Each structure stands twice: as C-alpha cells, then as structure tokens.
C-alpha cells in the first residue's frame, strides 16, 4: 500500500506523508496563533490490478503552548486621582491581551 495526500492537500506544505509507511510528519514548525486546525485528505492505494484506493479525512488540531506574553493596550498609563477620594474609588481599568489560550 502507498499513501499520498489527495490533490496536494497537505496543509499548504505544513505536513508530509511517508508514501510507504503512512506516517504523517510536520514539514515546519506550526503556530496555533496562525493556523489552529488543519483538514487534510489522504489516499491509500494498493498494488493490485487494477489498483484500488481508499480516501480518509484527517483533522489535525494544533495544541497551544504558552509562547506569547500578555500585551497591554498602551505602553504607559498616566492616571490622575483626586485627593481625598473615597476609599475603593476606581482609578483606572487597564487591559492586557494574550493570543495564547488560557
């Protein structure tokens, strides 16, 4: 049996399939923040006459790692607070985002 990706459907070159083992490998480092999921199609073809083939859908999910630090929406905050403000007064609401999950 030999294996191929259907019509070059290899995740834009991110994956390759070994033709005689069916092992799927990455061709480069994957980044979940760019592409989180891949939907591939692979063929298996036997050596019979005539050759017979089977097709399978493959869904790959890239698991996230904590590779991005949070980022504030500003580099610096300047806050004025009135003297004698009540205890518990809101003085600011700062926001940071993180493209990683969790």
N, C-alpha and C. Protein backbone atom coordinates (compact mmCIF):
# COMPACT_ATOMS: atom_id res chain seq x y z
N UNK A 1 0.86 -1.18 0.00
CA UNK A 1 0.00 0.00 0.00
C UNK A 1 0.89 1.23 0.00
N UNK A 2 0.51 2.24 -0.80
CA UNK A 2 1.23 3.53 -0.77
C UNK A 2 0.24 4.62 -0.41
N UNK A 3 0.78 5.70 0.14
CA UNK A 3 -0.05 6.77 0.70
C UNK A 3 0.34 8.11 0.08
N UNK A 4 -0.66 8.95 -0.15
CA UNK A 4 -0.45 10.32 -0.63
C UNK A 4 -1.53 11.20 -0.03
N UNK A 5 -1.27 12.50 -0.05
CA UNK A 5 -2.33 13.45 0.26
C UNK A 5 -3.12 13.69 -1.01
N UNK A 6 -4.42 13.77 -0.90
CA UNK A 6 -5.29 13.96 -2.06
C UNK A 6 -5.06 15.34 -2.65
N UNK A 7 -4.74 15.39 -3.92
CA UNK A 7 -4.62 16.65 -4.65
C UNK A 7 -3.68 17.64 -4.00
N UNK A 8 -2.63 17.14 -3.34
CA UNK A 8 -1.69 18.04 -2.69
C UNK A 8 -2.24 18.67 -1.42
N UNK A 9 -3.35 18.14 -0.91
CA UNK A 9 -3.97 18.70 0.30
C UNK A 9 -3.12 18.33 1.51
N UNK A 10 -2.02 19.09 1.68
CA UNK A 10 -1.05 18.78 2.73
C UNK A 10 -0.89 19.93 3.71
N UNK A 11 -1.94 20.76 3.85
CA UNK A 11 -1.86 21.90 4.76
C UNK A 11 -0.89 22.95 4.27
N UNK A 12 -0.93 23.23 2.96
CA UNK A 12 -0.02 24.21 2.35
C UNK A 12 1.44 23.89 2.62
N UNK A 13 1.76 22.61 2.60
CA UNK A 13 3.14 22.20 2.79
C UNK A 13 3.55 22.03 4.24
N UNK A 14 2.63 22.21 5.19
CA UNK A 14 2.98 22.07 6.61
C UNK A 14 3.17 20.60 7.01
N UNK A 15 2.62 19.67 6.20
CA UNK A 15 2.72 18.25 6.52
C UNK A 15 3.18 17.46 5.31
N UNK A 16 3.77 16.29 5.57
CA UNK A 16 4.10 15.34 4.52
C UNK A 16 3.70 13.95 5.01
N UNK A 17 3.42 13.08 4.05
CA UNK A 17 3.08 11.70 4.39
C UNK A 17 4.13 10.80 3.76
N UNK A 18 4.68 9.89 4.55
CA UNK A 18 5.66 8.95 4.01
C UNK A 18 4.91 7.94 3.15
N UNK A 19 5.30 7.82 1.87
CA UNK A 19 4.49 7.05 0.92
C UNK A 19 4.34 5.57 1.25
N UNK A 20 5.30 4.95 1.93
CA UNK A 20 5.20 3.51 2.17
C UNK A 20 4.86 3.14 3.61
N UNK A 21 4.93 4.10 4.53
CA UNK A 21 4.57 3.80 5.92
C UNK A 21 3.26 4.45 6.34
N UNK A 22 2.87 5.54 5.67
CA UNK A 22 1.68 6.28 6.06
C UNK A 22 1.91 7.22 7.23
N UNK A 23 3.15 7.33 7.68
CA UNK A 23 3.46 8.24 8.79
C UNK A 23 3.35 9.68 8.30
N UNK A 24 2.62 10.48 9.04
CA UNK A 24 2.46 11.90 8.71
C UNK A 24 3.39 12.69 9.62
N UNK A 25 4.16 13.57 9.01
CA UNK A 25 5.13 14.38 9.75
C UNK A 25 4.92 15.86 9.44
N UNK A 26 5.40 16.71 10.34
CA UNK A 26 5.39 18.15 10.06
C UNK A 26 6.58 18.47 9.16
N UNK A 27 6.39 19.45 8.29
CA UNK A 27 7.47 19.94 7.42
C UNK A 27 8.11 21.20 7.98
N UNK A 28 7.45 21.83 8.93
CA UNK A 28 7.97 23.06 9.55
C UNK A 28 7.29 23.23 10.90
N UNK A 29 7.77 24.18 11.67
CA UNK A 29 7.15 24.46 12.96
C UNK A 29 5.74 25.01 12.75
N UNK A 30 4.83 24.58 13.58
CA UNK A 30 3.44 25.03 13.49
C UNK A 30 3.19 26.09 14.55
N UNK A 31 2.31 27.03 14.24
CA UNK A 31 1.97 28.11 15.17
C UNK A 31 0.46 28.21 15.27
N UNK A 32 -0.09 27.82 16.42
CA UNK A 32 -1.54 27.82 16.60
C UNK A 32 -2.14 29.20 16.40
N UNK A 33 -1.38 30.24 16.71
CA UNK A 33 -1.93 31.59 16.54
C UNK A 33 -2.12 31.93 15.06
N UNK A 34 -1.43 31.25 14.16
CA UNK A 34 -1.63 31.45 12.71
C UNK A 34 -2.65 30.47 12.15
N UNK A 35 -2.47 29.19 12.41
CA UNK A 35 -3.41 28.16 11.95
C UNK A 35 -3.63 27.19 13.09
N UNK A 36 -4.86 27.10 13.57
CA UNK A 36 -5.17 26.24 14.71
C UNK A 36 -5.62 24.85 14.30
N UNK A 37 -6.22 24.72 13.12
CA UNK A 37 -6.77 23.44 12.67
C UNK A 37 -6.44 23.20 11.21
N UNK A 38 -6.20 21.95 10.88
CA UNK A 38 -5.96 21.53 9.50
C UNK A 38 -6.95 20.43 9.16
N UNK A 39 -7.46 20.46 7.94
CA UNK A 39 -8.30 19.39 7.42
C UNK A 39 -7.63 18.86 6.17
N UNK A 40 -7.11 17.64 6.26
CA UNK A 40 -6.36 17.03 5.17
C UNK A 40 -7.15 15.84 4.64
N UNK A 41 -6.80 15.40 3.42
CA UNK A 41 -7.35 14.17 2.86
C UNK A 41 -6.18 13.34 2.37
N UNK A 42 -6.21 12.06 2.70
CA UNK A 42 -5.15 11.15 2.27
C UNK A 42 -5.75 9.98 1.50
N UNK A 43 -4.95 9.45 0.57
CA UNK A 43 -5.29 8.25 -0.18
C UNK A 43 -4.37 7.11 0.22
N UNK A 44 -4.91 5.91 0.22
CA UNK A 44 -4.11 4.69 0.28
C UNK A 44 -4.43 3.92 -1.00
N UNK A 45 -3.38 3.51 -1.72
CA UNK A 45 -3.55 2.79 -2.98
C UNK A 45 -2.80 1.47 -2.88
N UNK A 46 -3.49 0.37 -3.25
CA UNK A 46 -2.80 -0.93 -3.21
C UNK A 46 -2.09 -1.19 -4.53
N UNK A 47 -1.39 -2.33 -4.59
CA UNK A 47 -0.59 -2.66 -5.78
C UNK A 47 -1.30 -3.67 -6.68
N UNK A 48 -2.59 -3.86 -6.46
CA UNK A 48 -3.33 -4.83 -7.25
C UNK A 48 -3.58 -4.34 -8.67
N UNK A 49 -4.14 -5.24 -9.49
CA UNK A 49 -4.50 -4.90 -10.87
C UNK A 49 -5.99 -5.19 -11.01
N UNK A 50 -6.81 -4.19 -11.17
CA UNK A 50 -6.45 -2.77 -11.13
C UNK A 50 -6.20 -2.33 -9.68
N UNK A 51 -5.43 -1.26 -9.50
CA UNK A 51 -5.18 -0.78 -8.14
C UNK A 51 -6.47 -0.22 -7.52
N UNK A 52 -6.67 -0.52 -6.26
CA UNK A 52 -7.83 0.00 -5.53
C UNK A 52 -7.34 1.04 -4.54
N UNK A 53 -8.23 2.00 -4.26
CA UNK A 53 -7.81 3.07 -3.35
C UNK A 53 -8.89 3.36 -2.33
N UNK A 54 -8.46 3.96 -1.24
CA UNK A 54 -9.36 4.43 -0.19
C UNK A 54 -8.97 5.86 0.16
N UNK A 55 -9.94 6.62 0.61
CA UNK A 55 -9.71 8.02 0.99
C UNK A 55 -10.12 8.20 2.44
N UNK A 56 -9.36 9.04 3.17
CA UNK A 56 -9.70 9.32 4.56
C UNK A 56 -9.51 10.80 4.84
N UNK A 57 -10.41 11.37 5.63
CA UNK A 57 -10.26 12.75 6.09
C UNK A 57 -9.45 12.74 7.38
N UNK A 58 -8.56 13.70 7.51
CA UNK A 58 -7.70 13.81 8.69
C UNK A 58 -7.86 15.21 9.24
N UNK A 59 -8.25 15.30 10.51
CA UNK A 59 -8.37 16.60 11.17
C UNK A 59 -7.25 16.71 12.20
N UNK A 60 -6.43 17.75 12.06
CA UNK A 60 -5.32 17.97 12.98
C UNK A 60 -5.57 19.28 13.72
N UNK A 61 -5.52 19.22 15.05
CA UNK A 61 -5.65 20.41 15.89
C UNK A 61 -4.29 20.70 16.50
N UNK A 62 -3.81 21.92 16.33
CA UNK A 62 -2.54 22.33 16.90
C UNK A 62 -2.79 22.75 18.34
N UNK A 63 -2.17 22.06 19.28
CA UNK A 63 -2.32 22.38 20.70
C UNK A 63 -1.50 23.61 21.03
N UNK A 64 -2.07 24.49 21.81
CA UNK A 64 -1.41 25.75 22.15
C UNK A 64 -0.39 25.54 23.27
N UNK A 65 0.71 26.25 23.17
CA UNK A 65 1.65 26.35 24.28
C UNK A 65 1.74 27.81 24.66
N UNK A 66 2.17 28.08 25.85
CA UNK A 66 2.25 29.46 26.33
C UNK A 66 3.54 30.10 25.80
N UNK A 67 3.47 30.57 24.53
CA UNK A 67 4.66 31.13 23.89
C UNK A 67 4.54 32.63 23.62
N UNK A 68 3.49 33.26 24.12
CA UNK A 68 3.31 34.70 23.97
C UNK A 68 3.03 35.33 25.33
N UNK A 69 3.71 36.40 25.63
CA UNK A 69 3.46 37.14 26.87
C UNK A 69 2.25 38.05 26.67
N UNK A 70 1.52 38.35 27.75
CA UNK A 70 0.44 39.32 27.63
C UNK A 70 0.98 40.68 27.18
N UNK A 71 0.12 41.44 26.50
CA UNK A 71 0.49 42.76 26.00
C UNK A 71 -0.58 43.75 26.46
N UNK A 72 -0.15 44.84 27.09
CA UNK A 72 -1.09 45.90 27.46
C UNK A 72 -1.46 46.70 26.22
N UNK A 73 -2.66 47.31 26.25
CA UNK A 73 -3.09 48.09 25.10
C UNK A 73 -2.34 49.42 24.99
N UNK A 74 -1.60 49.81 26.03
CA UNK A 74 -0.76 51.01 25.99
C UNK A 74 0.59 50.66 26.60
N UNK A 75 1.63 51.41 26.22
CA UNK A 75 2.96 51.20 26.80
C UNK A 75 3.07 51.79 28.20
N UNK A 76 2.26 52.81 28.48
CA UNK A 76 2.34 53.50 29.77
C UNK A 76 0.98 54.09 30.09
N UNK A 77 0.63 54.10 31.36
CA UNK A 77 -0.62 54.71 31.81
C UNK A 77 -0.29 55.87 32.73
N UNK A 78 -0.96 56.99 32.51
CA UNK A 78 -0.82 58.15 33.39
C UNK A 78 -2.21 58.42 33.98
N UNK A 79 -2.30 58.32 35.30
CA UNK A 79 -3.60 58.39 35.96
C UNK A 79 -3.60 59.50 36.99
N UNK A 80 -4.63 60.32 36.95
CA UNK A 80 -4.82 61.36 37.96
C UNK A 80 -5.91 60.91 38.93
N UNK A 81 -5.66 61.12 40.21
CA UNK A 81 -6.63 60.76 41.25
C UNK A 81 -6.84 61.98 42.13
N UNK A 82 -8.10 62.32 42.36
CA UNK A 82 -8.38 63.47 43.23
C UNK A 82 -8.03 63.12 44.67
N UNK A 83 -7.43 64.09 45.34
CA UNK A 83 -7.12 63.86 46.75
C UNK A 83 -8.43 63.70 47.53
N UNK A 84 -8.35 62.99 48.61
CA UNK A 84 -9.49 62.70 49.47
C UNK A 84 -10.59 61.91 48.76
N UNK A 85 -10.21 61.17 47.69
CA UNK A 85 -11.19 60.29 47.03
C UNK A 85 -11.67 59.25 48.02
N UNK A 86 -12.90 58.80 47.84
CA UNK A 86 -13.44 57.77 48.72
C UNK A 86 -12.61 56.50 48.58
N UNK A 87 -12.46 55.81 49.69
CA UNK A 87 -11.77 54.52 49.67
C UNK A 87 -12.54 53.58 48.74
N UNK A 88 -11.84 52.91 47.87
CA UNK A 88 -12.47 51.99 46.93
C UNK A 88 -12.84 52.64 45.62
N UNK A 89 -12.51 53.93 45.45
CA UNK A 89 -12.81 54.61 44.19
C UNK A 89 -12.02 53.96 43.05
N UNK A 90 -12.67 53.81 41.90
CA UNK A 90 -11.99 53.28 40.72
C UNK A 90 -11.07 54.36 40.18
N UNK A 91 -9.81 54.02 39.99
CA UNK A 91 -8.86 55.00 39.45
C UNK A 91 -8.46 54.67 38.02
N UNK A 92 -8.64 53.42 37.60
CA UNK A 92 -8.29 53.04 36.23
C UNK A 92 -8.79 51.64 35.94
N UNK A 93 -8.89 51.34 34.66
CA UNK A 93 -9.16 49.98 34.20
C UNK A 93 -8.13 49.69 33.12
N UNK A 94 -7.13 48.88 33.46
CA UNK A 94 -6.10 48.55 32.48
C UNK A 94 -6.44 47.21 31.84
N UNK A 95 -6.04 47.03 30.59
CA UNK A 95 -6.38 45.82 29.84
C UNK A 95 -5.13 45.28 29.16
N UNK A 96 -4.93 43.98 29.29
CA UNK A 96 -3.87 43.28 28.56
C UNK A 96 -4.51 42.11 27.82
N UNK A 97 -3.97 41.78 26.66
CA UNK A 97 -4.46 40.63 25.89
C UNK A 97 -3.32 39.64 25.71
N UNK A 98 -3.70 38.39 25.50
CA UNK A 98 -2.73 37.32 25.29
C UNK A 98 -3.29 36.40 24.20
N UNK A 99 -2.58 36.26 23.08
CA UNK A 99 -3.10 35.42 22.00
C UNK A 99 -3.10 33.92 22.32
N UNK A 100 -2.42 33.51 23.38
CA UNK A 100 -2.43 32.11 23.78
C UNK A 100 -3.75 31.77 24.45
N UNK A 101 -4.12 30.49 24.38
CA UNK A 101 -5.31 30.05 25.10
C UNK A 101 -4.97 29.91 26.58
N UNK A 102 -5.92 30.25 27.43
CA UNK A 102 -5.73 30.04 28.86
C UNK A 102 -4.91 31.06 29.57
